[in-house]
């Protein structure tokens, strides 16, 4: 990643500098539930910080596009933007797709200063949200010691992303669950149904599946189908517009907004 350091705007004494606009970048999906969930999450973010301008852009399938939003911001006279990938791991979209879109935008719209924030995971807030979803699905805090959890993510071909999910599962196990196993809906193994059956074979009394995904869609549906086929006792909902997730978005935004350089990943 190359960092482009640009001089700050001139601010007169006593004049407050406006906060950078938060641009939440979602992948997009043909499934209308995806965009609806993203917009619900963004509304919750706005409710937590009403004075912050928050926009949403999609990489594919849905409107508005990331490029379209950035063009609109430039036309509005905006200068500073924090682009936040709505992603749980640093895989291909965070490392390649999004940086390429942002670099192209800064080339065409030189008045924009764009900082790419970190992806959301890993974070204790994500595990808090996942645990809350399990309780909403019927578990009780007292069930932890007798419950094995399948942490089911979308999957990736990126070894770093797979290793992160495995480490998250290990960390979550230390909070009192009987066992926690990672699983993947695509690209990697094991699948959700295999992880459920593995826990059963080990004699785990109760098995719950926690989808480690933000919004509904094709892969989350595959996770749910695998959980049901394997006879999981509890199936939690996706993370969705969880309050923990909204707080995490603002934490990532604040970290990026306070950076002294404008970071735009560029091709080597």
C-alpha atoms as a PDB file:
ATOM      1  CA  UNK A   1       0.000   0.000   0.000  1.00  0.00           C
ATOM      2  CA  UNK A   2       1.306   3.408  -0.939  1.00  0.00           C
ATOM      3  CA  UNK A   3       0.358   6.420   1.132  1.00  0.00           C
ATOM      4  CA  UNK A   4      -0.318   9.721  -0.573  1.00  0.00           C
ATOM      5  CA  UNK A   5       0.449  12.560   1.832  1.00  0.00           C
ATOM      6  CA  UNK A   6      -1.348  15.725   0.857  1.00  0.00           C
ATOM      7  CA  UNK A   7      -1.288  19.087   2.611  1.00  0.00           C
ATOM      8  CA  UNK A   8      -4.312  19.806   4.808  1.00  0.00           C
ATOM      9  CA  UNK A   9      -6.886  22.398   3.882  1.00  0.00           C
ATOM     10  CA  UNK A  10      -6.255  25.851   5.259  1.00  0.00           C
ATOM     11  CA  UNK A  11      -8.450  26.481   8.293  1.00  0.00           C
ATOM     12  CA  UNK A  12      -8.832  29.989   9.673  1.00  0.00           C
ATOM     13  CA  UNK A  13      -8.365  30.499  13.413  1.00  0.00           C
ATOM     14  CA  UNK A  14     -11.572  29.573  15.232  1.00  0.00           C
ATOM     15  CA  UNK A  15     -12.996  27.805  12.190  1.00  0.00           C
ATOM     16  CA  UNK A  16     -13.927  24.160  12.768  1.00  0.00           C
ATOM     17  CA  UNK A  17     -12.794  21.685  10.144  1.00  0.00           C
ATOM     18  CA  UNK A  18     -15.673  19.553   8.899  1.00  0.00           C
ATOM     19  CA  UNK A  19     -15.399  15.837   9.542  1.00  0.00           C
ATOM     20  CA  UNK A  20     -14.639  13.595   6.572  1.00  0.00           C
ATOM     21  CA  UNK A  21     -17.657  11.989   4.962  1.00  0.00           C
ATOM     22  CA  UNK A  22     -18.050   8.310   5.803  1.00  0.00           C
ATOM     23  CA  UNK A  23     -18.566   6.220   2.678  1.00  0.00           C
ATOM     24  CA  UNK A  24     -19.630   2.674   3.547  1.00  0.00           C
ATOM     25  CA  UNK A  25     -18.663   0.320   0.717  1.00  0.00           C
ATOM     26  CA  UNK A  26     -20.733  -2.845   0.419  1.00  0.00           C
ATOM     27  CA  UNK A  27     -20.247  -5.661  -2.055  1.00  0.00           C
ATOM     28  CA  UNK A  28     -23.777  -5.705  -3.420  1.00  0.00           C
ATOM     29  CA  UNK A  29     -26.018  -8.609  -4.358  1.00  0.00           C
ATOM     30  CA  UNK A  30     -28.882  -9.588  -6.631  1.00  0.00           C
ATOM     31  CA  UNK A  31     -30.715 -10.568  -3.435  1.00  0.00           C
ATOM     32  CA  UNK A  32     -32.731  -7.510  -2.340  1.00  0.00           C
ATOM     33  CA  UNK A  33     -32.279  -8.487   1.316  1.00  0.00           C
ATOM     34  CA  UNK A  34     -28.599  -7.584   1.052  1.00  0.00           C
ATOM     35  CA  UNK A  35     -29.088  -3.921   0.152  1.00  0.00           C
ATOM     36  CA  UNK A  36     -31.966  -3.586   2.615  1.00  0.00           C
ATOM     37  CA  UNK A  37     -29.738  -4.847   5.437  1.00  0.00           C
ATOM     38  CA  UNK A  38     -26.867  -2.560   4.450  1.00  0.00           C
ATOM     39  CA  UNK A  39     -29.173   0.460   4.429  1.00  0.00           C
ATOM     40  CA  UNK A  40     -30.611  -0.518   7.826  1.00  0.00           C
ATOM     41  CA  UNK A  41     -27.099  -0.714   9.258  1.00  0.00           C
ATOM     42  CA  UNK A  42     -26.181   2.675   7.805  1.00  0.00           C
ATOM     43  CA  UNK A  43     -29.330   4.195   9.302  1.00  0.00           C
ATOM     44  CA  UNK A  44     -28.242   2.914  12.696  1.00  0.00           C
ATOM     45  CA  UNK A  45     -24.792   4.455  12.198  1.00  0.00           C
ATOM     46  CA  UNK A  46     -26.410   7.791  11.365  1.00  0.00           C
ATOM     47  CA  UNK A  47     -28.557   7.571  14.483  1.00  0.00           C
ATOM     48  CA  UNK A  48     -25.449   7.148  16.620  1.00  0.00           C
ATOM     49  CA  UNK A  49     -23.750  10.184  15.079  1.00  0.00           C
ATOM     50  CA  UNK A  50     -26.371  12.499  13.541  1.00  0.00           C
ATOM     51  CA  UNK A  51     -23.851  15.213  12.664  1.00  0.00           C
ATOM     52  CA  UNK A  52     -21.800  12.883  10.450  1.00  0.00           C
ATOM     53  CA  UNK A  53     -22.570  12.581   6.757  1.00  0.00           C
ATOM     54  CA  UNK A  54     -22.757   8.870   5.911  1.00  0.00           C
ATOM     55  CA  UNK A  55     -23.160   7.572   2.364  1.00  0.00           C
ATOM     56  CA  UNK A  56     -23.429   4.064   0.933  1.00  0.00           C
ATOM     57  CA  UNK A  57     -21.907   2.731  -2.276  1.00  0.00           C
ATOM     58  CA  UNK A  58     -21.902  -0.748  -3.809  1.00  0.00           C
ATOM     59  CA  UNK A  59     -19.193  -2.510  -5.788  1.00  0.00           C
ATOM     60  CA  UNK A  60     -21.660  -4.478  -7.891  1.00  0.00           C
ATOM     61  CA  UNK A  61     -25.327  -5.315  -8.530  1.00  0.00           C
ATOM     62  CA  UNK A  62     -26.840  -2.411  -6.553  1.00  0.00           C
ATOM     63  CA  UNK A  63     -27.005   1.354  -6.909  1.00  0.00           C
ATOM     64  CA  UNK A  64     -25.484   3.723  -6.193  1.00  0.00           C
ATOM     65  CA  UNK A  65     -22.042   2.602  -7.267  1.00  0.00           C
ATOM     66  CA  UNK A  66     -18.979   3.634  -5.268  1.00  0.00           C
ATOM     67  CA  UNK A  67     -17.789   5.715  -8.209  1.00  0.00           C
ATOM     68  CA  UNK A  68     -21.161   7.421  -8.527  1.00  0.00           C
ATOM     69  CA  UNK A  69     -21.219   8.355  -4.854  1.00  0.00           C
ATOM     70  CA  UNK A  70     -17.689   9.780  -5.017  1.00  0.00           C
ATOM     71  CA  UNK A  71     -18.595  11.820  -8.092  1.00  0.00           C
ATOM     72  CA  UNK A  72     -21.602  13.189  -6.227  1.00  0.00           C
ATOM     73  CA  UNK A  73     -19.510  14.081  -3.198  1.00  0.00           C
ATOM     74  CA  UNK A  74     -16.989  15.903  -5.371  1.00  0.00           C
ATOM     75  CA  UNK A  75     -19.831  17.812  -7.044  1.00  0.00           C
ATOM     76  CA  UNK A  76     -21.080  18.802  -3.574  1.00  0.00           C
ATOM     77  CA  UNK A  77     -17.703  20.320  -2.748  1.00  0.00           C
ATOM     78  CA  UNK A  78     -16.654  17.574  -0.347  1.00  0.00           C
ATOM     79  CA  UNK A  79     -12.895  17.210   0.035  1.00  0.00           C
ATOM     80  CA  UNK A  80     -12.318  14.515   2.654  1.00  0.00           C
ATOM     81  CA  UNK A  81     -13.735  10.987   2.577  1.00  0.00           C
ATOM     82  CA  UNK A  82     -13.184   7.902   4.691  1.00  0.00           C
ATOM     83  CA  UNK A  83     -14.023   4.827   2.623  1.00  0.00           C
ATOM     84  CA  UNK A  84     -14.964   1.942   4.902  1.00  0.00           C
ATOM     85  CA  UNK A  85     -15.196  -1.582   3.435  1.00  0.00           C
ATOM     86  CA  UNK A  86     -18.210  -3.404   4.846  1.00  0.00           C
ATOM     87  CA  UNK A  87     -16.145  -6.566   5.096  1.00  0.00           C
ATOM     88  CA  UNK A  88     -15.244  -8.868   7.962  1.00  0.00           C
ATOM     89  CA  UNK A  89     -11.824  -9.995   6.682  1.00  0.00           C
ATOM     90  CA  UNK A  90      -9.010  -8.644   4.532  1.00  0.00           C
ATOM     91  CA  UNK A  91      -9.525 -10.760   1.452  1.00  0.00           C
ATOM     92  CA  UNK A  92      -9.616  -9.961  -2.276  1.00  0.00           C
ATOM     93  CA  UNK A  93     -12.202  -7.178  -2.170  1.00  0.00           C
ATOM     94  CA  UNK A  94     -10.356  -5.298   0.582  1.00  0.00           C
ATOM     95  CA  UNK A  95      -6.918  -5.841  -0.943  1.00  0.00           C
ATOM     96  CA  UNK A  96      -7.659  -5.356  -4.638  1.00  0.00           C
ATOM     97  CA  UNK A  97     -11.179  -4.370  -5.729  1.00  0.00           C
ATOM     98  CA  UNK A  98     -11.801  -1.474  -3.372  1.00  0.00           C
ATOM     99  CA  UNK A  99      -8.291   0.049  -3.556  1.00  0.00           C
ATOM    100  CA  UNK A 100      -8.502  -0.052  -7.359  1.00  0.00           C
ATOM    101  CA  UNK A 101     -11.850   1.761  -7.386  1.00  0.00           C
ATOM    102  CA  UNK A 102     -10.595   4.396  -4.930  1.00  0.00           C
ATOM    103  CA  UNK A 103      -7.347   4.932  -6.815  1.00  0.00           C
ATOM    104  CA  UNK A 104      -9.230   5.421 -10.068  1.00  0.00           C
ATOM    105  CA  UNK A 105     -11.513   7.910  -8.341  1.00  0.00           C
ATOM    106  CA  UNK A 106      -8.656   9.980  -6.916  1.00  0.00           C
ATOM    107  CA  UNK A 107      -7.098  10.111 -10.372  1.00  0.00           C
ATOM    108  CA  UNK A 108     -10.283  11.472 -11.941  1.00  0.00           C
ATOM    109  CA  UNK A 109     -11.364  13.548  -8.922  1.00  0.00           C
ATOM    110  CA  UNK A 110      -8.134  15.042  -7.551  1.00  0.00           C
ATOM    111  CA  UNK A 111     -10.070  17.329  -5.197  1.00  0.00           C
ATOM    112  CA  UNK A 112     -11.081  14.285  -3.154  1.00  0.00           C
ATOM    113  CA  UNK A 113      -8.847  13.006  -0.361  1.00  0.00           C
ATOM    114  CA  UNK A 114      -9.777   9.426   0.396  1.00  0.00           C
ATOM    115  CA  UNK A 115      -8.628   7.319   3.299  1.00  0.00           C
ATOM    116  CA  UNK A 116      -9.460   3.624   3.176  1.00  0.00           C
ATOM    117  CA  UNK A 117     -10.411   2.391   6.647  1.00  0.00           C
ATOM    118  CA  UNK A 118      -9.616  -1.076   7.915  1.00  0.00           C
ATOM    119  CA  UNK A 119     -12.080  -3.906   7.461  1.00  0.00           C
ATOM    120  CA  UNK A 120     -14.340  -4.611  10.416  1.00  0.00           C
ATOM    121  CA  UNK A 121     -12.789  -7.812  11.672  1.00  0.00           C
ATOM    122  CA  UNK A 122     -11.455  -9.131  13.819  1.00  0.00           C
ATOM    123  CA  UNK A 123     -13.052  -7.303  16.747  1.00  0.00           C
ATOM    124  CA  UNK A 124     -14.592  -8.293  20.085  1.00  0.00           C
ATOM    125  CA  UNK A 125     -17.657  -6.319  19.029  1.00  0.00           C
ATOM    126  CA  UNK A 126     -18.284  -8.812  16.222  1.00  0.00           C
ATOM    127  CA  UNK A 127     -18.218 -11.706  18.657  1.00  0.00           C
ATOM    128  CA  UNK A 128     -20.524  -9.776  20.980  1.00  0.00           C
ATOM    129  CA  UNK A 129     -22.949  -9.342  18.082  1.00  0.00           C
ATOM    130  CA  UNK A 130     -22.674 -13.013  17.105  1.00  0.00           C
ATOM    131  CA  UNK A 131     -23.340 -14.093  20.675  1.00  0.00           C
ATOM    132  CA  UNK A 132     -26.354 -11.804  20.899  1.00  0.00           C
ATOM    133  CA  UNK A 133     -27.753 -13.351  17.717  1.00  0.00           C
ATOM    134  CA  UNK A 134     -27.408 -16.806  19.299  1.00  0.00           C
ATOM    135  CA  UNK A 135     -29.324 -15.663  22.368  1.00  0.00           C
ATOM    136  CA  UNK A 136     -32.025 -14.187  20.149  1.00  0.00           C
ATOM    137  CA  UNK A 137     -32.264 -17.602  18.447  1.00  0.00           C
ATOM    138  CA  UNK A 138     -33.011 -19.328  21.739  1.00  0.00           C
ATOM    139  CA  UNK A 139     -29.789 -19.973  23.638  1.00  0.00           C
ATOM    140  CA  UNK A 140     -29.267 -18.768  27.198  1.00  0.00           C
ATOM    141  CA  UNK A 141     -25.958 -17.606  28.710  1.00  0.00           C
ATOM    142  CA  UNK A 142     -26.045 -20.669  30.945  1.00  0.00           C
ATOM    143  CA  UNK A 143     -26.004 -22.903  27.847  1.00  0.00           C
ATOM    144  CA  UNK A 144     -22.476 -21.966  26.806  1.00  0.00           C
ATOM    145  CA  UNK A 145     -20.610 -24.769  28.578  1.00  0.00           C
ATOM    146  CA  UNK A 146     -22.785 -27.430  26.937  1.00  0.00           C
ATOM    147  CA  UNK A 147     -23.003 -25.867  23.475  1.00  0.00           C
ATOM    148  CA  UNK A 148     -20.669 -26.230  20.539  1.00  0.00           C
ATOM    149  CA  UNK A 149     -20.742 -23.393  18.016  1.00  0.00           C
ATOM    150  CA  UNK A 150     -20.029 -23.458  14.308  1.00  0.00           C
ATOM    151  CA  UNK A 151     -18.674 -20.052  13.274  1.00  0.00           C
ATOM    152  CA  UNK A 152     -19.792 -20.076   9.643  1.00  0.00           C
ATOM    153  CA  UNK A 153     -18.236 -17.494   7.345  1.00  0.00           C
ATOM    154  CA  UNK A 154     -18.669 -16.878   3.627  1.00  0.00           C
ATOM    155  CA  UNK A 155     -15.266 -18.358   2.806  1.00  0.00           C
ATOM    156  CA  UNK A 156     -12.302 -17.118   0.801  1.00  0.00           C
ATOM    157  CA  UNK A 157      -9.366 -18.284  -1.268  1.00  0.00           C
ATOM    158  CA  UNK A 158      -7.162 -15.873   0.690  1.00  0.00           C
ATOM    159  CA  UNK A 159      -5.090 -17.782   3.290  1.00  0.00           C
ATOM    160  CA  UNK A 160      -4.927 -14.717   5.541  1.00  0.00           C
ATOM    161  CA  UNK A 161      -8.721 -14.497   5.719  1.00  0.00           C
ATOM    162  CA  UNK A 162      -9.063 -18.220   6.470  1.00  0.00           C
ATOM    163  CA  UNK A 163      -6.439 -18.012   9.214  1.00  0.00           C
ATOM    164  CA  UNK A 164      -8.254 -15.060  10.791  1.00  0.00           C
ATOM    165  CA  UNK A 165     -11.543 -16.992  10.970  1.00  0.00           C
ATOM    166  CA  UNK A 166      -9.765 -19.946  12.578  1.00  0.00           C
ATOM    167  CA  UNK A 167      -8.149 -17.664  15.163  1.00  0.00           C
ATOM    168  CA  UNK A 168     -11.477 -15.979  15.923  1.00  0.00           C
ATOM    169  CA  UNK A 169     -12.996 -19.417  16.561  1.00  0.00           C
ATOM    170  CA  UNK A 170     -10.173 -20.236  18.979  1.00  0.00           C
ATOM    171  CA  UNK A 171     -10.611 -16.935  20.807  1.00  0.00           C
ATOM    172  CA  UNK A 172     -14.369 -17.372  21.076  1.00  0.00           C
ATOM    173  CA  UNK A 173     -13.923 -20.848  22.508  1.00  0.00           C
ATOM    174  CA  UNK A 174     -12.030 -19.288  25.420  1.00  0.00           C
ATOM    175  CA  UNK A 175     -15.133 -17.328  26.480  1.00  0.00           C
ATOM    176  CA  UNK A 176     -16.848 -20.446  27.785  1.00  0.00           C
ATOM    177  CA  UNK A 177     -18.333 -22.344  24.846  1.00  0.00           C
ATOM    178  CA  UNK A 178     -17.944 -26.114  24.884  1.00  0.00           C
ATOM    179  CA  UNK A 179     -16.308 -25.910  21.449  1.00  0.00           C
ATOM    180  CA  UNK A 180     -16.139 -23.537  18.487  1.00  0.00           C
ATOM    181  CA  UNK A 181     -15.390 -24.725  14.964  1.00  0.00           C
ATOM    182  CA  UNK A 182     -14.845 -22.549  11.877  1.00  0.00           C
ATOM    183  CA  UNK A 183     -16.753 -23.380   8.701  1.00  0.00           C
ATOM    184  CA  UNK A 184     -17.021 -21.848   5.249  1.00  0.00           C
ATOM    185  CA  UNK A 185     -19.811 -21.534   2.705  1.00  0.00           C
ATOM    186  CA  UNK A 186     -17.431 -21.455  -0.259  1.00  0.00           C
ATOM    187  CA  UNK A 187     -13.806 -21.757  -1.375  1.00  0.00           C
ATOM    188  CA  UNK A 188     -12.605 -23.446   1.830  1.00  0.00           C
ATOM    189  CA  UNK A 189     -13.473 -26.392   4.047  1.00  0.00           C
ATOM    190  CA  UNK A 190     -15.145 -27.567   6.187  1.00  0.00           C
ATOM    191  CA  UNK A 191     -18.683 -26.700   5.147  1.00  0.00           C
ATOM    192  CA  UNK A 192     -21.218 -25.812   7.821  1.00  0.00           C
ATOM    193  CA  UNK A 193     -22.923 -29.213   7.734  1.00  0.00           C
ATOM    194  CA  UNK A 194     -19.591 -31.013   8.120  1.00  0.00           C
ATOM    195  CA  UNK A 195     -18.629 -28.926  11.152  1.00  0.00           C
ATOM    196  CA  UNK A 196     -22.026 -29.598  12.759  1.00  0.00           C
ATOM    197  CA  UNK A 197     -21.626 -33.338  12.229  1.00  0.00           C
ATOM    198  CA  UNK A 198     -18.074 -33.241  13.565  1.00  0.00           C
ATOM    199  CA  UNK A 199     -19.268 -31.676  16.816  1.00  0.00           C
ATOM    200  CA  UNK A 200     -22.039 -34.268  17.078  1.00  0.00           C
ATOM    201  CA  UNK A 201     -19.513 -37.054  16.577  1.00  0.00           C
ATOM    202  CA  UNK A 202     -17.442 -35.628  19.414  1.00  0.00           C
ATOM    203  CA  UNK A 203     -20.422 -35.942  21.726  1.00  0.00           C
ATOM    204  CA  UNK A 204     -21.328 -32.246  21.966  1.00  0.00           C
ATOM    205  CA  UNK A 205     -24.796 -32.053  23.522  1.00  0.00           C
ATOM    206  CA  UNK A 206     -26.067 -28.949  21.734  1.00  0.00           C
ATOM    207  CA  UNK A 207     -24.826 -27.485  18.429  1.00  0.00           C
ATOM    208  CA  UNK A 208     -25.483 -23.919  17.317  1.00  0.00           C
ATOM    209  CA  UNK A 209     -24.550 -22.235  14.048  1.00  0.00           C
ATOM    210  CA  UNK A 210     -23.532 -18.571  14.084  1.00  0.00           C
ATOM    211  CA  UNK A 211     -23.323 -17.075  10.568  1.00  0.00           C
ATOM    212  CA  UNK A 212     -20.302 -14.760  10.536  1.00  0.00           C
ATOM    213  CA  UNK A 213     -21.744 -12.669   7.708  1.00  0.00           C
ATOM    214  CA  UNK A 214     -23.305  -9.232   7.633  1.00  0.00           C
ATOM    215  CA  UNK A 215     -26.235  -9.506   5.249  1.00  0.00           C
ATOM    216  CA  UNK A 216     -28.497 -12.203   3.781  1.00  0.00           C
ATOM    217  CA  UNK A 217     -27.765 -13.604   0.356  1.00  0.00           C
ATOM    218  CA  UNK A 218     -26.686 -16.701  -1.548  1.00  0.00           C
ATOM    219  CA  UNK A 219     -23.847 -17.785   0.769  1.00  0.00           C
ATOM    220  CA  UNK A 220     -25.695 -17.078   4.033  1.00  0.00           C
ATOM    221  CA  UNK A 221     -28.594 -19.142   2.645  1.00  0.00           C
ATOM    222  CA  UNK A 222     -26.119 -21.958   1.987  1.00  0.00           C
ATOM    223  CA  UNK A 223     -24.936 -21.715   5.605  1.00  0.00           C
ATOM    224  CA  UNK A 224     -28.531 -21.937   6.864  1.00  0.00           C
ATOM    225  CA  UNK A 225     -29.314 -24.864   4.573  1.00  0.00           C
ATOM    226  CA  UNK A 226     -26.259 -26.767   5.769  1.00  0.00           C
ATOM    227  CA  UNK A 227     -27.145 -26.117   9.405  1.00  0.00           C
ATOM    228  CA  UNK A 228     -30.666 -27.463   8.910  1.00  0.00           C
ATOM    229  CA  UNK A 229     -29.570 -30.484   6.876  1.00  0.00           C
ATOM    230  CA  UNK A 230     -27.082 -31.492   9.570  1.00  0.00           C
ATOM    231  CA  UNK A 231     -29.629 -31.037  12.357  1.00  0.00           C
ATOM    232  CA  UNK A 232     -28.149 -28.081  14.218  1.00  0.00           C
ATOM    233  CA  UNK A 233     -30.163 -27.252  17.328  1.00  0.00           C
ATOM    234  CA  UNK A 234     -29.883 -23.481  16.954  1.00  0.00           C
ATOM    235  CA  UNK A 235     -29.391 -21.313  13.871  1.00  0.00           C
ATOM    236  CA  UNK A 236     -28.673 -17.649  14.496  1.00  0.00           C
ATOM    237  CA  UNK A 237     -29.463 -14.823  12.119  1.00  0.00           C
ATOM    238  CA  UNK A 238     -26.830 -12.887  10.177  1.00  0.00           C
ATOM    239  CA  UNK A 239     -25.187  -9.979  11.994  1.00  0.00           C
ATOM    240  CA  UNK A 240     -27.291  -7.420  10.106  1.00  0.00           C
ATOM    241  CA  UNK A 241     -27.826  -3.955  11.592  1.00  0.00           C
ATOM    242  CA  UNK A 242     -26.609  -5.017  15.038  1.00  0.00           C
ATOM    243  CA  UNK A 243     -25.814  -2.109  17.369  1.00  0.00           C
ATOM    244  CA  UNK A 244     -22.363  -3.597  17.985  1.00  0.00           C
ATOM    245  CA  UNK A 245     -21.712  -3.508  14.245  1.00  0.00           C
ATOM    246  CA  UNK A 246     -22.784   0.125  13.974  1.00  0.00           C
ATOM    247  CA  UNK A 247     -20.446   1.073  16.824  1.00  0.00           C
ATOM    248  CA  UNK A 248     -17.620  -0.822  15.143  1.00  0.00           C
ATOM    249  CA  UNK A 249     -18.122   1.081  11.892  1.00  0.00           C
ATOM    250  CA  UNK A 250     -17.704   4.342  13.774  1.00  0.00           C
ATOM    251  CA  UNK A 251     -14.615   3.038  15.553  1.00  0.00           C
ATOM    252  CA  UNK A 252     -12.992   2.163  12.218  1.00  0.00           C
ATOM    253  CA  UNK A 253     -14.074   5.526  10.816  1.00  0.00           C
ATOM    254  CA  UNK A 254     -12.575   7.457  13.729  1.00  0.00           C
ATOM    255  CA  UNK A 255      -9.254   5.643  13.398  1.00  0.00           C
ATOM    256  CA  UNK A 256      -9.017   6.371   9.681  1.00  0.00           C
ATOM    257  CA  UNK A 257     -10.249   9.958  10.015  1.00  0.00           C
ATOM    258  CA  UNK A 258      -7.552  10.742  12.556  1.00  0.00           C
ATOM    259  CA  UNK A 259      -4.766   9.486  10.273  1.00  0.00           C
ATOM    260  CA  UNK A 260      -2.353  12.156   9.079  1.00  0.00           C
ATOM    261  CA  UNK A 261      -2.060  10.748   5.558  1.00  0.00           C
ATOM    262  CA  UNK A 262      -4.472   9.878   2.809  1.00  0.00           C
ATOM    263  CA  UNK A 263      -4.008   6.164   2.205  1.00  0.00           C
ATOM    264  CA  UNK A 264      -4.939   4.843  -1.206  1.00  0.00           C
ATOM    265  CA  UNK A 265      -3.687   1.418  -2.194  1.00  0.00           C
ATOM    266  CA  UNK A 266      -2.131   1.434  -5.625  1.00  0.00           C
ATOM    267  CA  UNK A 267      -0.978  -1.340  -7.900  1.00  0.00           C
ATOM    268  CA  UNK A 268       2.691  -2.086  -7.594  1.00  0.00           C
END
